[in-house]
N, C-alpha and C. Protein backbone atom coordinates (compact mmCIF):
# COMPACT_ATOMS: atom_id res chain seq x y z
N MET A 1 -2.27 -23.33 -0.66
CA MET A 1 -2.47 -23.02 0.89
C MET A 1 -1.73 -21.47 0.75
N GLY A 2 -2.05 -21.03 1.76
CA GLY A 2 -1.77 -19.59 2.22
C GLY A 2 -2.41 -18.66 3.11
N ALA A 3 -2.58 -17.70 3.49
CA ALA A 3 -2.87 -16.76 4.17
C ALA A 3 -4.34 -17.10 4.54
N ALA A 4 -5.17 -16.94 5.53
CA ALA A 4 -6.57 -17.09 5.71
C ALA A 4 -6.74 -15.79 5.33
N TYR A 5 -8.36 -15.81 4.57
CA TYR A 5 -8.84 -14.49 4.30
C TYR A 5 -10.13 -14.35 5.39
N VAL A 6 -10.10 -13.23 5.96
CA VAL A 6 -10.91 -13.04 7.12
C VAL A 6 -11.77 -11.75 7.00
N VAL A 7 -13.17 -11.82 6.99
CA VAL A 7 -13.91 -10.54 6.99
C VAL A 7 -14.28 -10.42 8.30
N ASP A 8 -13.77 -9.12 8.59
CA ASP A 8 -14.27 -8.45 9.61
C ASP A 8 -15.81 -7.64 9.77
N ALA A 9 -16.70 -8.30 10.25
CA ALA A 9 -18.11 -7.72 10.02
C ALA A 9 -18.40 -6.68 10.74
N ASP A 10 -17.16 -6.26 11.65
CA ASP A 10 -17.83 -5.24 12.57
C ASP A 10 -17.33 -3.97 11.75
N LYS A 11 -16.56 -4.10 10.79
CA LYS A 11 -16.32 -2.85 10.12
C LYS A 11 -17.25 -2.10 9.43
N ALA A 12 -17.48 -0.84 9.46
CA ALA A 12 -18.59 -0.27 8.63
C ALA A 12 -18.40 0.12 7.18
N TYR A 13 -19.15 0.03 6.19
CA TYR A 13 -18.75 0.21 4.73
C TYR A 13 -19.96 0.98 4.35
N PRO A 14 -19.88 2.17 3.77
CA PRO A 14 -18.21 2.76 3.68
C PRO A 14 -17.95 3.36 4.88
N PRO A 15 -16.58 3.26 5.07
CA PRO A 15 -16.38 3.99 6.08
C PRO A 15 -16.53 5.39 6.82
N THR A 16 -17.01 5.79 8.19
CA THR A 16 -17.53 6.52 8.66
C THR A 16 -16.67 7.88 8.53
N ASN A 17 -15.19 7.46 8.52
CA ASN A 17 -14.50 8.65 7.97
C ASN A 17 -13.91 8.83 7.04
N GLY A 18 -14.69 8.02 5.88
CA GLY A 18 -14.24 8.37 4.66
C GLY A 18 -12.99 7.90 3.87
N LEU A 19 -12.29 7.24 4.60
CA LEU A 19 -11.07 6.60 4.27
C LEU A 19 -10.98 5.36 4.57
N TYR A 20 -10.72 4.31 3.40
CA TYR A 20 -10.37 3.15 3.71
C TYR A 20 -9.10 2.64 3.05
N LEU A 21 -8.52 1.99 3.92
CA LEU A 21 -7.12 1.40 3.78
C LEU A 21 -7.14 0.41 2.87
N TRP A 22 -6.07 0.52 1.96
CA TRP A 22 -5.52 -0.51 0.81
C TRP A 22 -4.23 -0.56 0.70
N GLY A 23 -3.27 -0.01 1.15
CA GLY A 23 -2.16 -0.13 1.21
C GLY A 23 -1.13 0.69 1.86
N GLY A 24 0.49 0.33 1.78
CA GLY A 24 1.23 1.16 2.42
C GLY A 24 2.70 0.58 1.88
N THR A 25 3.60 1.04 2.59
CA THR A 25 4.78 0.72 2.51
C THR A 25 5.91 0.47 3.79
N ASP A 26 6.91 -0.16 3.30
CA ASP A 26 7.89 -0.77 4.21
C ASP A 26 8.29 0.24 5.38
N ALA A 27 8.20 1.44 4.74
CA ALA A 27 8.51 2.74 5.68
C ALA A 27 7.39 2.94 6.45
N GLY A 28 6.47 2.45 6.63
CA GLY A 28 5.40 2.90 7.85
C GLY A 28 4.53 3.82 6.92
N ASP A 29 4.57 4.34 5.79
CA ASP A 29 3.46 5.08 5.26
C ASP A 29 2.22 4.11 4.75
N VAL A 30 0.92 4.86 5.09
CA VAL A 30 -0.14 4.31 4.78
C VAL A 30 -0.93 5.03 3.72
N PHE A 31 -1.68 4.02 2.82
CA PHE A 31 -2.61 4.62 1.83
C PHE A 31 -3.80 4.24 1.75
N TYR A 32 -4.81 5.07 1.81
CA TYR A 32 -5.96 5.23 1.73
C TYR A 32 -6.86 5.77 0.68
N TRP A 33 -8.03 5.03 0.02
CA TRP A 33 -8.99 5.64 -0.63
C TRP A 33 -9.64 6.56 -0.09
N ARG A 34 -9.60 7.75 -0.35
CA ARG A 34 -10.61 9.12 0.15
C ARG A 34 -11.86 8.72 -0.55
N CYS A 35 -12.89 7.95 0.27
CA CYS A 35 -14.28 7.52 -0.39
C CYS A 35 -15.20 8.42 -0.20
N LEU A 36 -15.34 9.41 -0.66
CA LEU A 36 -16.60 10.47 -0.02
C LEU A 36 -17.87 10.08 -1.05
N ASP A 37 -17.47 10.06 -2.37
CA ASP A 37 -18.27 9.61 -3.53
C ASP A 37 -18.93 8.05 -3.54
N PRO A 38 -20.01 7.87 -4.34
CA PRO A 38 -20.43 6.58 -3.68
C PRO A 38 -19.69 5.87 -5.08
N ASP A 39 -19.46 6.61 -6.15
CA ASP A 39 -18.71 5.84 -7.37
C ASP A 39 -17.33 5.82 -6.90
N PRO A 40 -16.84 4.50 -6.99
CA PRO A 40 -15.24 4.09 -6.41
C PRO A 40 -14.38 4.60 -7.68
N ASP A 41 -14.90 5.25 -8.88
CA ASP A 41 -14.14 5.63 -9.94
C ASP A 41 -14.08 7.01 -9.66
N SER A 42 -14.29 7.38 -8.77
CA SER A 42 -14.18 9.15 -8.11
C SER A 42 -13.33 9.12 -6.95
N TRP A 43 -12.45 7.95 -6.07
CA TRP A 43 -12.20 8.02 -5.23
C TRP A 43 -10.73 8.73 -5.44
N THR A 44 -9.83 9.05 -4.25
CA THR A 44 -8.92 9.50 -4.91
C THR A 44 -7.95 8.89 -3.72
N VAL A 45 -6.52 9.22 -3.21
CA VAL A 45 -6.05 8.88 -2.81
C VAL A 45 -5.33 9.73 -1.78
N ALA A 46 -5.53 9.24 -0.40
CA ALA A 46 -4.86 10.04 0.74
C ALA A 46 -3.66 9.30 1.16
N VAL A 47 -2.62 9.81 1.71
CA VAL A 47 -1.51 9.14 2.35
C VAL A 47 -1.37 9.85 3.92
N GLU A 48 -0.98 8.79 4.55
CA GLU A 48 -0.85 9.26 6.12
C GLU A 48 1.19 8.62 6.02
N LEU A 49 1.67 10.04 6.67
CA LEU A 49 3.27 9.73 6.16
C LEU A 49 3.60 9.11 7.89
N ARG A 50 4.25 8.10 8.12
CA ARG A 50 4.79 7.84 9.30
C ARG A 50 5.74 8.89 10.06
N SER A 51 6.55 9.29 9.01
CA SER A 51 7.43 10.63 9.46
C SER A 51 6.88 11.62 8.74
N PRO A 52 6.39 12.84 9.49
CA PRO A 52 6.27 13.70 8.75
C PRO A 52 7.13 14.58 7.58
N ARG A 53 6.69 15.24 6.52
CA ARG A 53 7.54 15.86 5.49
C ARG A 53 6.97 17.49 5.54
N GLN A 54 7.79 18.25 5.71
CA GLN A 54 7.21 19.65 5.40
C GLN A 54 6.10 20.07 6.46
N GLY A 55 6.51 19.38 7.54
CA GLY A 55 5.58 19.62 8.81
C GLY A 55 4.00 19.13 8.50
N LYS A 56 4.11 18.28 7.79
CA LYS A 56 2.69 17.77 7.57
C LYS A 56 2.57 16.00 7.49
N ARG A 57 1.62 15.45 8.14
CA ARG A 57 1.63 13.91 8.16
C ARG A 57 0.83 13.49 7.27
N TRP A 58 -0.18 14.26 6.73
CA TRP A 58 -1.29 13.98 5.67
C TRP A 58 -1.20 14.40 4.45
N PHE A 59 -1.33 13.77 3.46
CA PHE A 59 -1.23 14.29 1.89
C PHE A 59 -2.72 13.82 1.42
N GLU A 60 -3.18 14.47 0.49
CA GLU A 60 -4.15 14.45 -0.36
C GLU A 60 -3.83 14.43 -1.70
N HIS A 61 -4.34 13.24 -2.57
CA HIS A 61 -3.80 13.60 -3.93
C HIS A 61 -5.14 13.41 -5.00
N SER A 62 -5.29 14.11 -5.90
CA SER A 62 -6.55 14.14 -6.51
C SER A 62 -6.18 13.08 -7.74
N VAL A 63 -6.02 12.31 -7.43
CA VAL A 63 -5.61 10.95 -8.81
C VAL A 63 -6.37 9.67 -8.42
N GLY A 64 -6.57 8.67 -9.05
CA GLY A 64 -6.90 7.74 -8.82
C GLY A 64 -5.79 6.59 -8.50
N THR A 65 -6.05 5.33 -8.18
CA THR A 65 -4.96 4.40 -7.67
C THR A 65 -3.96 4.09 -8.59
N VAL A 66 -4.29 4.06 -9.88
CA VAL A 66 -3.34 3.42 -10.86
C VAL A 66 -2.62 4.75 -11.16
N GLU A 67 -3.06 6.00 -11.36
CA GLU A 67 -2.22 6.97 -11.41
C GLU A 67 -0.85 7.28 -10.43
N PHE A 68 -1.57 6.99 -9.11
CA PHE A 68 -0.73 7.20 -8.20
C PHE A 68 0.18 6.21 -8.20
N LEU A 69 -0.09 4.92 -8.40
CA LEU A 69 1.13 3.91 -8.19
C LEU A 69 1.95 4.16 -9.18
N THR A 70 1.51 4.67 -10.53
CA THR A 70 2.54 4.50 -12.01
C THR A 70 3.39 5.70 -11.54
N GLY A 71 2.66 6.75 -10.97
CA GLY A 71 3.84 8.03 -10.39
C GLY A 71 4.73 7.42 -9.52
N LEU A 72 4.42 6.85 -8.75
CA LEU A 72 5.28 6.82 -7.79
C LEU A 72 6.34 5.77 -8.18
N VAL A 73 6.12 4.56 -9.21
CA VAL A 73 7.15 4.03 -9.66
C VAL A 73 8.11 4.28 -10.78
N ASP A 74 7.56 5.09 -11.68
CA ASP A 74 8.25 5.79 -12.93
C ASP A 74 8.64 7.17 -12.56
N GLY A 75 8.27 7.60 -11.58
CA GLY A 75 8.80 8.71 -10.94
C GLY A 75 8.08 10.21 -11.73
N SER A 76 7.26 9.78 -12.27
CA SER A 76 6.65 11.02 -12.97
C SER A 76 6.05 11.77 -12.19
N SER A 77 5.83 11.44 -10.90
CA SER A 77 4.84 12.34 -10.07
C SER A 77 5.92 12.96 -8.84
N ARG A 78 5.58 13.81 -8.11
CA ARG A 78 5.89 14.19 -6.90
C ARG A 78 5.44 13.73 -5.65
N PHE A 79 4.68 12.65 -5.40
CA PHE A 79 4.06 12.25 -4.42
C PHE A 79 4.93 12.09 -3.63
N THR A 80 4.66 12.54 -1.75
CA THR A 80 4.82 12.47 -0.92
C THR A 80 5.00 11.24 0.02
N ILE A 81 6.21 10.31 0.05
CA ILE A 81 6.00 9.27 0.85
C ILE A 81 7.33 9.01 1.11
N GLY A 82 7.75 8.25 2.56
CA GLY A 82 8.79 8.06 2.92
C GLY A 82 10.02 7.07 2.28
N VAL A 83 9.67 6.55 1.10
CA VAL A 83 10.77 5.56 0.40
C VAL A 83 10.66 6.23 -0.97
N LYS A 84 11.82 5.61 -1.77
CA LYS A 84 11.79 6.02 -2.96
C LYS A 84 11.49 4.56 -3.78
N LEU A 85 10.67 4.82 -4.88
CA LEU A 85 10.26 3.47 -5.56
C LEU A 85 10.99 3.96 -6.78
N ASN A 86 11.52 4.83 -7.43
CA ASN A 86 11.75 4.84 -8.87
C ASN A 86 13.51 4.97 -9.11
N GLN A 87 13.93 3.70 -7.99
CA GLN A 87 15.40 3.90 -8.38
C GLN A 87 16.09 2.77 -9.12
N SER A 88 15.30 1.51 -9.69
CA SER A 88 15.81 0.57 -10.25
C SER A 88 14.56 -0.23 -11.12
N PRO A 89 14.89 -0.80 -12.01
CA PRO A 89 14.01 -1.51 -12.91
C PRO A 89 12.67 -2.31 -11.46
N HIS A 90 11.43 -2.46 -12.17
CA HIS A 90 10.55 -3.01 -11.37
C HIS A 90 9.93 -4.25 -11.81
N SER A 91 9.63 -5.22 -11.03
CA SER A 91 8.79 -6.26 -11.56
C SER A 91 7.89 -6.74 -10.84
N PHE A 92 6.75 -7.21 -10.91
CA PHE A 92 5.60 -7.91 -10.43
C PHE A 92 6.30 -9.46 -9.77
N GLN A 93 6.17 -9.47 -8.52
CA GLN A 93 6.83 -10.71 -7.63
C GLN A 93 5.58 -11.05 -6.72
N GLY A 94 4.83 -12.38 -6.87
CA GLY A 94 3.73 -12.80 -5.92
C GLY A 94 4.49 -13.11 -4.50
N TRP A 95 3.33 -13.45 -3.73
CA TRP A 95 4.02 -13.51 -2.38
C TRP A 95 4.46 -14.89 -2.28
N ARG A 96 3.90 -15.96 -3.32
CA ARG A 96 4.79 -16.91 -2.74
C ARG A 96 6.05 -17.08 -3.50
N ALA A 97 6.37 -16.57 -4.54
CA ALA A 97 7.79 -16.05 -4.85
C ALA A 97 8.74 -15.55 -3.96
N PHE A 98 8.11 -14.39 -3.37
CA PHE A 98 8.86 -13.49 -2.46
C PHE A 98 8.98 -14.51 -1.08
N ASP A 99 8.22 -15.39 -0.66
CA ASP A 99 8.40 -16.18 0.40
C ASP A 99 9.61 -17.19 0.09
N LEU A 100 9.33 -17.63 -1.12
CA LEU A 100 10.60 -18.42 -1.66
C LEU A 100 11.76 -17.91 -1.34
N GLN A 101 11.96 -16.84 -2.16
CA GLN A 101 13.33 -16.08 -2.00
C GLN A 101 13.48 -15.71 -0.80
N VAL A 102 12.99 -15.01 0.24
CA VAL A 102 13.27 -15.00 1.64
C VAL A 102 13.77 -16.20 2.06
N ARG A 103 12.99 -17.37 2.03
CA ARG A 103 13.22 -18.42 2.73
C ARG A 103 15.01 -18.90 2.43
N ALA A 104 15.13 -18.59 0.55
CA ALA A 104 16.26 -19.15 0.38
C ALA A 104 17.37 -18.54 1.17
N GLN A 105 17.09 -16.94 1.17
CA GLN A 105 18.37 -16.18 1.90
C GLN A 105 18.52 -16.23 3.29
N HIS A 106 17.11 -16.56 3.97
CA HIS A 106 17.29 -16.79 5.58
C HIS A 106 16.52 -17.88 6.29
N PRO A 107 17.75 -19.16 6.14
CA PRO A 107 17.02 -20.48 6.20
C PRO A 107 16.17 -20.56 7.85
N ASP A 108 16.33 -19.78 8.45
CA ASP A 108 15.92 -19.70 9.79
C ASP A 108 14.62 -18.70 9.96
N TYR A 109 14.34 -18.17 8.62
CA TYR A 109 12.75 -17.54 8.71
C TYR A 109 11.64 -18.33 8.56
N THR A 110 10.78 -18.41 9.68
CA THR A 110 9.54 -19.17 9.60
C THR A 110 8.53 -18.74 9.05
N GLY A 111 8.33 -17.25 8.99
CA GLY A 111 7.28 -16.70 8.43
C GLY A 111 5.70 -16.89 8.44
N PRO A 112 4.84 -16.17 7.97
CA PRO A 112 3.43 -16.48 8.27
C PRO A 112 2.83 -17.96 7.64
N TRP A 113 3.66 -18.38 6.55
CA TRP A 113 2.96 -19.66 5.71
C TRP A 113 4.12 -20.42 5.69
N PRO A 114 3.35 -21.92 6.01
CA PRO A 114 4.60 -23.17 6.46
C PRO A 114 5.04 -23.25 4.67
N PRO A 115 6.55 -23.86 4.67
CA PRO A 115 6.87 -24.35 3.66
C PRO A 115 6.58 -25.10 2.65
N ARG A 116 6.43 -25.14 1.58
CA ARG A 116 6.09 -26.38 0.86
C ARG A 116 6.88 -27.10 0.58
């Protein structure tokens, strides 16, 4: 059981503006692939910040997704986003484990998935 997977057939691919949404932060920053090249291995990362930094809302990074995320988590890059991700040890947690953790801490939480 989990969230339903829905495909929006009305969305054009590749997107007409060359930006393909793939992630974001809990601070409201949004991550896109800049997909102007037909080869996905050549796509770079564009970030739209919720709150402008240095007078700018958009930042383009000439790296791929793995290098971008690794740099955010290990602190090896100076990418501009609204949160700090290199403050503590990290681990992967799937949505089911996270959902159980939230439900344990907040018994009144109804969440998007029914309890098991």
